[in-house]
Amino acid sequence: MAKIHPEDLKAGRDALMAGGGGAGDLALVLTNGAGALVWDNNGNEYIDCTSQAWSLNTGYCHPRVVAAATEQIQKLTHVRSCFDTEPQLMLSKKLSELAPGIGNTKLRKVTYCLHGSLAVEGAMKLALRNRVGGKNFISLYDGYHGRSFATMAVSWPHPNNMFLPYAGNVVRVPQAYCYRCPFSLKYPGCDLECVKFTEQTIKKAIDGKPIAFLMEPIQGNGGMIDFPKEYYQAIRKLCTKYDILLIWDEIQTAFGRIGEMFAAELYKTVPDIIVFGKSIGGGFPLAGTLSRDDLQPFESGEHAFTFGHFPVSMAAALANLKAIEEENLLRRARKLGQYITTRLDELKQKYELIGDVRGPGLMIGFELVKDRKTKEPACQEVEVFIKEGMKRGVIFGGSKYGGLGNVVKIKPPLVITEGEVEKVLKTVKEITEKISNGR
């Protein structure tokens, strides 16, 4: 591609209405990437610890993914949802085989669309079809499920969100956020008070029968918040007891990020519906749901979209899943994740700035606090952390958005090298020291 004049790039930026998040307020123009590395149009190299919104588990431009997409592009690029293609059918077969559960709990049925918010809405629609007469969805404090009208409604209520007047019926309940327990208790002595509260909410605070309980097994945007294993199983039992469908939003956790194909495997808990997206396509847009065989399916046209059947993404996804399996990336995520969290825990012992370190696999976050005892969130320090990381050639993520999060995220591609990991950790130490000394 010919060199583009800077003035043309500037004109393009002026024309672009940007509704997404920033990257340390630095105006980067990315041009190419490989593995965990990405370069801008000035030749600067970065280690990407965001995997571009956690979507590149196998890294930038994985050769298998590129080859599969290239081959499919030369055959067929677009097909309506009423027709089948080989990539669509083979991917459906593969996902059905990989899906958690056995017998009646096996999640065999697959639906597709092109992005996560629409996939979550698909799960909500499927729940409505199977719980006729239900009025409310239950979701968790600090949960995040997208930016469409329906998914904003079930996500945490951003204080500056002007779109919430269009939100639907949702009841939010406290999650098992043990570092900041909403009941000021300490696990395991708390006896899972949050689950008891949830049951009381179901019994006494909701008009009619709830439709579904929607949750992320690990809250990404909320701050890399994972829960005790007993919590997942207790919520599963609660949903079964009250005949409430359990939906797990695994858009961020599925396909290797936490060292397993699905969080359901890690936490030994099978929901009724799993939502997937982001990393499945290896950089190509694809999302969808996996659901129990015995749920009543959609009728024709209820969940169909012009580009919901994109064979290029489906071919890429098949190659992507094959790479995850054959290159042992699940084991690699577990190994590198354990190493990184151990090193971060060592930094936590030295620096008061780091309040908590969390995360299975390569879904890692650490909280920045102004005071270790009060746990006052250090949100501005996260903004500084991200900017300083960019200057040093490392792209970090931050929790929530709009400057309201206090968690730094480390979620690189699973193919990140050991040498790149060491540079990331060195950068974390340098920035932590800089912020701590500047207080």
Protein backbone atom coordinates (compact mmCIF):
# COMPACT_ATOMS: atom_id res chain seq x y z
CA MET A 1 0.00 0.00 0.00
CA ALA A 2 1.33 3.43 -0.93
CA LYS A 3 2.44 5.79 1.81
CA ILE A 4 -0.49 7.94 2.93
CA HIS A 5 0.13 11.64 3.42
CA PRO A 6 -0.18 12.81 7.07
CA GLU A 7 -2.63 15.53 6.04
CA ASP A 8 -4.97 12.90 4.60
CA LEU A 9 -4.81 10.97 7.87
CA LYS A 10 -5.57 14.16 9.78
CA ALA A 11 -8.56 14.86 7.53
CA GLY A 12 -9.81 11.35 8.12
CA ARG A 13 -9.52 11.76 11.87
CA ASP A 14 -11.41 15.04 11.72
CA ALA A 15 -14.20 13.29 9.80
CA LEU A 16 -14.41 10.32 12.17
CA MET A 17 -16.95 10.43 14.99
CA ALA A 18 -15.13 8.24 17.50
CA GLY A 19 -17.43 6.51 19.97
CA GLY A 20 -14.93 3.99 21.27
CA GLY A 21 -12.37 4.10 24.06
CA GLY A 22 -9.00 5.78 23.82
CA ALA A 23 -5.49 4.46 24.21
CA GLY A 24 -3.89 6.84 26.62
CA ASP A 25 -5.14 9.78 24.55
CA LEU A 26 -2.38 9.12 22.03
CA ALA A 27 -3.40 9.42 18.39
CA LEU A 28 -1.92 6.18 17.06
CA VAL A 29 -2.33 4.92 13.52
CA LEU A 30 -1.62 1.19 13.62
CA THR A 31 -0.32 -0.36 10.42
CA ASN A 32 0.69 -3.98 11.01
CA GLY A 33 1.06 -6.62 13.70
CA ALA A 34 2.42 -10.10 14.39
CA GLY A 35 2.02 -12.24 17.48
CA ALA A 36 1.72 -9.94 20.50
CA LEU A 37 3.40 -7.03 18.68
CA VAL A 38 1.88 -4.15 16.74
CA TRP A 39 3.50 -1.20 14.92
CA ASP A 40 2.28 2.31 14.17
CA ASN A 41 2.84 4.39 11.04
CA ASN A 42 5.95 5.93 12.59
CA GLY A 43 7.58 2.54 13.02
CA ASN A 44 7.10 2.38 16.80
CA GLU A 45 6.66 -1.12 18.24
CA TYR A 46 4.25 -2.02 21.05
CA ILE A 47 3.53 -5.14 23.08
CA ASP A 48 -0.25 -5.30 23.13
CA CYS A 49 -1.58 -6.34 26.55
CA THR A 50 -5.15 -5.71 25.41
CA SER A 51 -5.21 -8.11 22.46
CA GLN A 52 -7.29 -5.37 20.80
CA ALA A 53 -10.28 -5.55 23.12
CA TRP A 54 -9.31 -9.11 24.11
CA SER A 55 -10.03 -10.37 20.57
CA LEU A 56 -6.66 -11.71 19.43
CA ASN A 57 -5.99 -14.76 21.60
CA THR A 58 -3.81 -16.27 18.87
CA GLY A 59 -2.19 -12.92 18.17
CA TYR A 60 -2.09 -10.53 15.25
CA CYS A 61 -2.32 -12.14 11.82
CA HIS A 62 -1.83 -15.74 12.91
CA PRO A 63 -0.63 -17.57 9.77
CA ARG A 64 -3.30 -20.27 10.00
CA VAL A 65 -6.08 -17.73 10.39
CA VAL A 66 -4.80 -15.56 7.54
CA ALA A 67 -4.44 -18.58 5.24
CA ALA A 68 -7.95 -19.86 5.99
CA ALA A 69 -9.53 -16.43 5.48
CA THR A 70 -7.59 -15.84 2.27
CA GLU A 71 -8.70 -19.18 0.84
CA GLN A 72 -12.35 -18.53 1.73
CA ILE A 73 -12.30 -14.98 0.34
CA GLN A 74 -11.41 -16.44 -3.05
CA LYS A 75 -14.43 -18.77 -2.90
CA LEU A 76 -17.34 -17.00 -1.24
CA THR A 77 -17.51 -13.85 0.87
CA HIS A 78 -21.18 -13.37 1.70
CA VAL A 79 -24.22 -15.62 2.05
CA ARG A 80 -27.65 -14.95 3.53
CA SER A 81 -28.59 -16.75 6.72
CA CYS A 82 -31.14 -18.91 4.89
CA PHE A 83 -28.33 -20.75 3.05
CA ASP A 84 -25.63 -23.00 4.52
CA THR A 85 -21.91 -23.06 3.79
CA GLU A 86 -19.22 -25.57 4.65
CA PRO A 87 -17.41 -23.21 7.08
CA GLN A 88 -20.68 -22.52 8.91
CA LEU A 89 -21.58 -26.19 9.29
CA MET A 90 -18.08 -27.34 10.23
CA LEU A 91 -17.71 -24.56 12.80
CA SER A 92 -21.10 -25.45 14.29
CA LYS A 93 -19.99 -29.08 14.56
CA LYS A 94 -16.72 -28.05 16.22
CA LEU A 95 -18.34 -25.70 18.73
CA SER A 96 -20.94 -28.31 19.63
CA GLU A 97 -18.12 -30.77 20.33
CA LEU A 98 -16.13 -28.29 22.43
CA ALA A 99 -19.11 -26.98 24.40
CA PRO A 100 -19.38 -27.89 28.08
CA GLY A 101 -21.98 -30.17 29.61
CA ILE A 102 -23.05 -33.78 29.26
CA GLY A 103 -26.41 -35.36 28.54
CA ASN A 104 -29.26 -32.89 29.00
CA THR A 105 -26.87 -30.14 30.11
CA LYS A 106 -24.76 -30.30 26.93
CA LEU A 107 -24.79 -26.98 25.07
CA ARG A 108 -25.25 -28.32 21.54
CA LYS A 109 -27.13 -25.61 19.66
CA VAL A 110 -25.31 -22.68 18.02
CA THR A 111 -26.44 -19.29 16.74
CA TYR A 112 -24.27 -16.66 15.02
CA CYS A 113 -24.03 -12.92 14.56
CA LEU A 114 -21.14 -10.49 14.10
CA HIS A 115 -20.61 -8.85 17.48
CA GLY A 116 -20.96 -9.48 21.18
CA SER A 117 -23.76 -7.06 22.05
CA LEU A 118 -26.00 -8.67 19.44
CA ALA A 119 -25.04 -12.13 20.72
CA VAL A 120 -26.03 -11.15 24.27
CA GLU A 121 -29.33 -9.84 22.93
CA GLY A 122 -29.74 -13.17 21.15
CA ALA A 123 -29.31 -14.99 24.46
CA MET A 124 -31.85 -12.66 26.07
CA LYS A 125 -34.32 -13.25 23.21
CA LEU A 126 -33.84 -17.01 23.48
CA ALA A 127 -34.51 -16.78 27.21
CA LEU A 128 -37.69 -14.78 26.57
CA ARG A 129 -38.86 -17.42 24.09
CA ASN A 130 -38.38 -20.09 26.76
CA ARG A 131 -39.76 -18.21 29.76
CA VAL A 132 -42.96 -16.71 28.38
CA GLY A 133 -44.53 -14.27 30.81
CA GLY A 134 -41.29 -13.42 32.59
CA LYS A 135 -40.70 -9.71 33.15
CA ASN A 136 -37.18 -9.18 34.46
CA PHE A 137 -33.58 -10.14 33.87
CA ILE A 138 -31.21 -10.39 36.82
CA SER A 139 -27.65 -9.15 36.37
CA LEU A 140 -24.70 -8.37 38.63
CA TYR A 141 -23.25 -5.20 40.06
CA ASP A 142 -20.34 -4.06 37.83
CA GLY A 143 -21.42 -6.38 35.02
CA TYR A 144 -20.83 -5.36 31.42
CA HIS A 145 -22.54 -6.87 28.39
CA GLY A 146 -22.31 -4.30 25.59
CA ARG A 147 -23.43 -0.91 24.34
CA SER A 148 -26.67 -1.66 22.51
CA PHE A 149 -29.90 -0.58 24.23
CA ALA A 150 -30.68 -4.01 25.68
CA THR A 151 -27.13 -4.74 26.80
CA MET A 152 -26.65 -1.32 28.38
CA ALA A 153 -29.75 -2.07 30.43
CA VAL A 154 -28.23 -5.21 31.96
CA SER A 155 -24.77 -3.65 32.41
CA TRP A 156 -23.55 -1.44 35.23
CA PRO A 157 -25.24 1.99 35.02
CA HIS A 158 -22.60 4.46 33.88
CA PRO A 159 -23.41 7.79 35.58
CA ASN A 160 -23.03 9.71 32.32
CA ASN A 161 -25.09 7.32 30.19
CA MET A 162 -27.79 9.40 28.50
CA PHE A 163 -29.28 6.33 26.77
CA LEU A 164 -30.58 4.52 29.86
CA PRO A 165 -34.14 5.93 29.56
CA TYR A 166 -34.59 3.32 26.82
CA ALA A 167 -33.45 0.47 29.07
CA GLY A 168 -35.59 -2.57 29.80
CA ASN A 169 -36.54 -4.41 32.98
CA VAL A 170 -33.51 -5.49 34.99
CA VAL A 171 -32.75 -6.12 38.64
CA ARG A 172 -29.09 -5.92 39.68
CA VAL A 173 -27.73 -7.89 42.62
CA PRO A 174 -24.34 -7.82 44.41
CA GLN A 175 -21.64 -10.09 43.07
CA ALA A 176 -19.01 -12.00 45.08
CA TYR A 177 -16.46 -9.18 44.81
CA CYS A 178 -14.42 -10.44 47.75
CA TYR A 179 -11.81 -7.66 47.72
CA ARG A 180 -14.63 -5.13 48.10
CA CYS A 181 -17.39 -7.20 49.66
CA PRO A 182 -20.68 -5.26 49.44
CA PHE A 183 -21.60 -6.72 52.85
CA SER A 184 -18.23 -5.90 54.49
CA LEU A 185 -17.64 -9.59 55.17
CA LYS A 186 -14.68 -11.83 54.44
CA TYR A 187 -14.70 -15.05 52.45
CA PRO A 188 -15.08 -17.89 53.39
CA GLY A 189 -16.54 -16.78 56.72
CA CYS A 190 -19.24 -14.83 54.85
CA ASP A 191 -21.16 -18.02 54.03
CA LEU A 192 -21.82 -16.47 50.59
CA GLU A 193 -24.10 -13.74 51.90
CA CYS A 194 -24.35 -12.37 48.34
CA VAL A 195 -26.09 -15.58 47.21
CA LYS A 196 -28.52 -15.37 50.13
CA PHE A 197 -29.26 -11.76 49.21
CA THR A 198 -29.87 -12.81 45.61
CA GLU A 199 -32.36 -15.44 46.71
CA GLN A 200 -34.24 -12.93 48.84
CA THR A 201 -34.32 -10.58 45.85
CA ILE A 202 -35.84 -13.31 43.69
CA LYS A 203 -38.45 -14.09 46.34
CA LYS A 204 -39.39 -10.60 47.49
CA ALA A 205 -38.13 -7.85 45.18
CA ILE A 206 -39.12 -9.01 41.69
CA ASP A 207 -42.63 -8.85 40.27
CA GLY A 208 -43.41 -12.16 38.68
CA LYS A 209 -40.99 -14.82 37.58
CA PRO A 210 -37.49 -13.75 36.43
CA ILE A 211 -36.57 -14.62 32.86
CA ALA A 212 -32.85 -15.28 33.25
CA PHE A 213 -29.79 -14.59 35.36
CA LEU A 214 -27.14 -12.98 33.13
CA MET A 215 -23.54 -12.80 34.35
CA GLU A 216 -19.93 -12.79 33.25
CA PRO A 217 -18.03 -15.62 34.97
CA ILE A 218 -15.18 -13.12 35.30
CA GLN A 219 -16.15 -9.46 35.09
CA GLY A 220 -13.88 -7.86 32.52
CA ASN A 221 -14.93 -4.24 32.17
CA GLY A 222 -15.85 -4.17 35.85
CA GLY A 223 -12.26 -4.90 36.84
CA MET A 224 -11.17 -8.51 36.22
CA ILE A 225 -13.34 -9.68 39.11
CA ASP A 226 -13.46 -13.44 39.56
CA PHE A 227 -15.49 -15.18 42.22
CA PRO A 228 -15.02 -18.14 44.60
CA LYS A 229 -15.79 -21.46 42.89
CA GLU A 230 -18.60 -22.08 45.38
CA TYR A 231 -20.34 -18.93 44.18
CA TYR A 232 -20.76 -20.22 40.63
CA GLN A 233 -22.19 -23.51 41.84
CA ALA A 234 -24.49 -21.77 44.33
CA ILE A 235 -25.91 -19.49 41.62
CA ARG A 236 -26.42 -22.51 39.37
CA LYS A 237 -28.40 -24.25 42.12
CA LEU A 238 -30.40 -21.10 42.78
CA CYS A 239 -31.37 -20.77 39.11
CA THR A 240 -32.36 -24.43 38.96
CA LYS A 241 -34.43 -24.09 42.14
CA TYR A 242 -36.45 -21.16 40.78
CA ASP A 243 -36.50 -22.32 37.14
CA ILE A 244 -34.48 -19.31 35.98
CA LEU A 245 -32.27 -19.68 32.91
CA LEU A 246 -28.59 -19.08 33.63
CA ILE A 247 -26.74 -17.17 30.90
CA TRP A 248 -22.97 -16.84 31.02
CA ASP A 249 -21.45 -14.04 28.97
CA GLU A 250 -18.15 -15.68 27.99
CA ILE A 251 -17.32 -13.16 25.29
CA GLN A 252 -14.05 -12.36 27.08
CA THR A 253 -13.32 -15.66 28.84
CA ALA A 254 -13.89 -18.30 26.15
CA PHE A 255 -11.35 -19.91 23.82
CA GLY A 256 -8.23 -20.02 25.97
CA ARG A 257 -8.06 -16.67 27.73
CA ILE A 258 -8.31 -18.27 31.20
CA GLY A 259 -6.48 -21.48 30.34
CA GLU A 260 -9.62 -23.42 29.37
CA MET A 261 -11.87 -23.32 26.34
CA PHE A 262 -14.73 -22.14 28.55
CA ALA A 263 -15.02 -20.81 32.10
CA ALA A 264 -17.64 -23.50 32.64
CA GLU A 265 -14.78 -26.02 32.60
CA LEU A 266 -12.67 -24.06 35.07
CA TYR A 267 -15.50 -23.54 37.56
CA LYS A 268 -17.23 -26.92 37.06
CA THR A 269 -20.53 -25.18 36.40
CA VAL A 270 -22.62 -25.44 33.25
CA PRO A 271 -25.05 -22.60 32.42
CA ASP A 272 -28.05 -22.98 30.15
CA ILE A 273 -26.72 -20.54 27.54
CA ILE A 274 -23.19 -19.34 26.80
CA VAL A 275 -22.52 -16.19 24.81
CA PHE A 276 -19.25 -16.15 22.85
CA GLY A 277 -17.51 -13.59 20.66
CA LYS A 278 -14.34 -11.49 20.43
CA SER A 279 -11.49 -14.00 20.15
CA ILE A 280 -13.29 -16.80 18.31
CA GLY A 281 -12.63 -15.28 14.87
CA GLY A 282 -8.91 -14.69 15.36
CA GLY A 283 -9.42 -11.03 14.45
CA PHE A 284 -12.44 -11.48 12.19
CA PRO A 285 -15.90 -10.46 13.46
CA LEU A 286 -17.96 -13.32 14.84
CA ALA A 287 -20.10 -13.97 17.91
CA GLY A 288 -23.01 -16.14 18.95
CA THR A 289 -24.56 -18.43 21.53
CA LEU A 290 -24.37 -22.04 22.63
CA SER A 291 -27.48 -23.38 24.31
CA ARG A 292 -29.11 -26.51 25.65
CA ASP A 293 -30.68 -28.85 23.13
CA ASP A 294 -34.03 -28.88 24.91
CA LEU A 295 -34.60 -25.12 24.78
CA GLN A 296 -37.22 -24.03 22.27
CA PRO A 297 -35.29 -22.60 19.29
CA PHE A 298 -35.89 -19.38 17.42
CA GLU A 299 -38.54 -19.39 14.76
CA SER A 300 -37.60 -18.36 11.23
CA GLY A 301 -36.52 -14.72 11.06
CA GLU A 302 -36.45 -14.09 14.82
CA HIS A 303 -32.67 -13.84 15.05
CA ALA A 304 -31.41 -13.41 11.49
CA PHE A 305 -29.21 -10.61 10.11
CA THR A 306 -27.90 -9.72 6.67
CA PHE A 307 -24.29 -10.37 7.63
CA GLY A 308 -24.98 -12.89 10.39
CA HIS A 309 -23.60 -15.65 8.17
CA PHE A 310 -20.10 -14.51 7.20
CA PRO A 311 -18.20 -17.54 5.86
CA VAL A 312 -14.83 -15.76 5.93
CA SER A 313 -15.08 -15.29 9.71
CA MET A 314 -16.25 -18.86 10.13
CA ALA A 315 -13.33 -20.26 8.16
CA ALA A 316 -10.98 -18.08 10.20
CA ALA A 317 -12.61 -19.28 13.43
CA LEU A 318 -12.07 -22.93 12.53
CA ALA A 319 -8.38 -22.27 11.89
CA ASN A 320 -8.16 -20.22 15.07
CA LEU A 321 -9.60 -23.01 17.24
CA LYS A 322 -7.26 -25.50 15.60
CA ALA A 323 -4.29 -23.27 16.45
CA ILE A 324 -5.40 -22.98 20.09
CA GLU A 325 -5.61 -26.77 20.38
CA GLU A 326 -2.56 -27.84 18.38
CA GLU A 327 -0.21 -25.15 19.72
CA ASN A 328 -1.14 -25.96 23.34
CA LEU A 329 -2.24 -22.40 24.04
CA LEU A 330 -4.50 -23.40 26.93
CA ARG A 331 -1.53 -24.75 28.84
CA ARG A 332 0.55 -21.75 27.82
CA ALA A 333 -2.08 -19.35 29.17
CA ARG A 334 -2.10 -21.15 32.51
CA LYS A 335 1.69 -21.24 32.76
CA LEU A 336 2.36 -17.62 31.78
CA GLY A 337 -0.61 -16.38 33.78
CA GLN A 338 0.66 -18.03 36.94
CA TYR A 339 4.11 -16.55 36.37
CA ILE A 340 2.79 -13.02 35.80
CA THR A 341 0.44 -13.02 38.80
CA THR A 342 3.24 -14.35 41.03
CA ARG A 343 5.50 -11.50 39.93
CA LEU A 344 2.70 -8.95 40.41
CA ASP A 345 2.08 -10.28 43.92
CA GLU A 346 5.75 -9.65 44.66
CA LEU A 347 5.33 -6.04 43.51
CA LYS A 348 2.22 -5.77 45.65
CA GLN A 349 4.28 -6.60 48.72
CA LYS A 350 6.62 -3.72 47.90
CA TYR A 351 4.26 -1.02 46.67
CA GLU A 352 1.16 0.21 48.52
CA LEU A 353 -0.24 1.38 45.18
CA ILE A 354 -1.20 -2.19 44.25
CA GLY A 355 -4.17 -3.29 46.34
CA ASP A 356 -5.10 -6.61 44.75
CA VAL A 357 -3.93 -8.95 41.98
CA ARG A 358 -6.46 -11.16 40.21
CA GLY A 359 -6.96 -13.45 37.31
CA PRO A 360 -6.74 -17.01 36.06
CA GLY A 361 -4.71 -17.57 32.91
CA LEU A 362 -3.93 -14.45 30.90
CA MET A 363 -7.00 -12.56 32.11
CA ILE A 364 -5.10 -10.53 34.68
CA GLY A 365 -5.90 -7.32 36.50
CA PHE A 366 -4.44 -5.45 39.45
CA GLU A 367 -6.21 -2.77 41.45
CA LEU A 368 -4.55 0.56 42.12
CA VAL A 369 -5.51 2.15 45.44
CA LYS A 370 -4.68 5.41 47.16
CA ASP A 371 -4.61 3.73 50.56
CA ARG A 372 -4.15 0.02 51.25
CA LYS A 373 -6.41 0.10 54.34
CA THR A 374 -9.31 2.15 52.99
CA LYS A 375 -8.95 0.70 49.47
CA GLU A 376 -9.83 4.07 47.98
CA PRO A 377 -9.73 3.56 44.19
CA ALA A 378 -6.84 5.25 42.36
CA CYS A 379 -8.61 5.94 39.06
CA GLN A 380 -6.43 8.81 37.84
CA GLU A 381 -3.35 6.69 38.47
CA VAL A 382 -4.71 4.09 36.03
CA GLU A 383 -4.93 6.78 33.35
CA VAL A 384 -1.32 7.71 34.08
CA PHE A 385 -0.33 4.03 34.02
CA ILE A 386 -1.79 3.52 30.55
CA LYS A 387 -0.16 6.65 29.13
CA GLU A 388 3.23 5.78 30.61
CA GLY A 389 2.91 2.26 29.24
CA MET A 390 2.33 3.59 25.73
CA LYS A 391 5.43 5.74 26.00
CA ARG A 392 7.42 2.64 26.93
CA GLY A 393 6.01 0.48 24.15
CA VAL A 394 3.42 -1.49 26.13
CA ILE A 395 -0.35 -1.15 25.65
CA PHE A 396 -2.21 -1.77 28.92
CA GLY A 397 -5.97 -1.82 29.39
CA GLY A 398 -8.08 -0.17 32.06
CA SER A 399 -11.31 -1.17 33.76
CA LYS A 400 -14.69 0.45 33.15
CA TYR A 401 -14.52 3.57 30.96
CA GLY A 402 -14.78 7.30 31.23
CA GLY A 403 -11.99 7.36 33.81
CA LEU A 404 -14.07 5.48 36.40
CA GLY A 405 -11.95 2.33 36.70
CA ASN A 406 -9.00 1.63 38.99
CA VAL A 407 -7.81 -1.69 37.55
CA VAL A 408 -4.92 -2.12 35.11
CA LYS A 409 -5.46 -5.04 32.74
CA ILE A 410 -2.84 -7.42 31.35
CA LYS A 411 -4.53 -9.59 28.72
CA PRO A 412 -2.00 -10.19 25.93
CA PRO A 413 -2.33 -12.71 23.10
CA LEU A 414 -1.68 -16.24 24.34
CA VAL A 415 1.27 -16.41 21.95
CA ILE A 416 3.21 -13.68 23.78
CA THR A 417 6.84 -14.73 24.21
CA GLU A 418 8.68 -15.08 27.52
CA GLY A 419 10.93 -12.18 26.54
CA GLU A 420 7.92 -9.97 25.88
CA VAL A 421 6.44 -10.97 29.24
CA GLU A 422 9.64 -9.85 30.96
CA LYS A 423 9.46 -6.46 29.23
CA VAL A 424 5.84 -6.06 30.32
CA LEU A 425 6.72 -6.85 33.94
CA LYS A 426 9.72 -4.52 33.84
CA THR A 427 7.43 -1.77 32.53
CA VAL A 428 4.86 -2.43 35.26
CA LYS A 429 7.58 -2.11 37.90
CA GLU A 430 8.95 1.12 36.41
CA ILE A 431 5.55 2.80 36.21
CA THR A 432 4.46 1.60 39.66
CA GLU A 433 7.67 3.01 41.11
CA LYS A 434 7.25 6.29 39.23
CA ILE A 435 3.68 6.80 40.42
CA SER A 436 4.53 5.75 43.99
CA ASN A 437 7.48 8.13 44.20
CA GLY A 438 5.40 10.99 42.79
CA ARG A 439 2.78 10.82 45.50
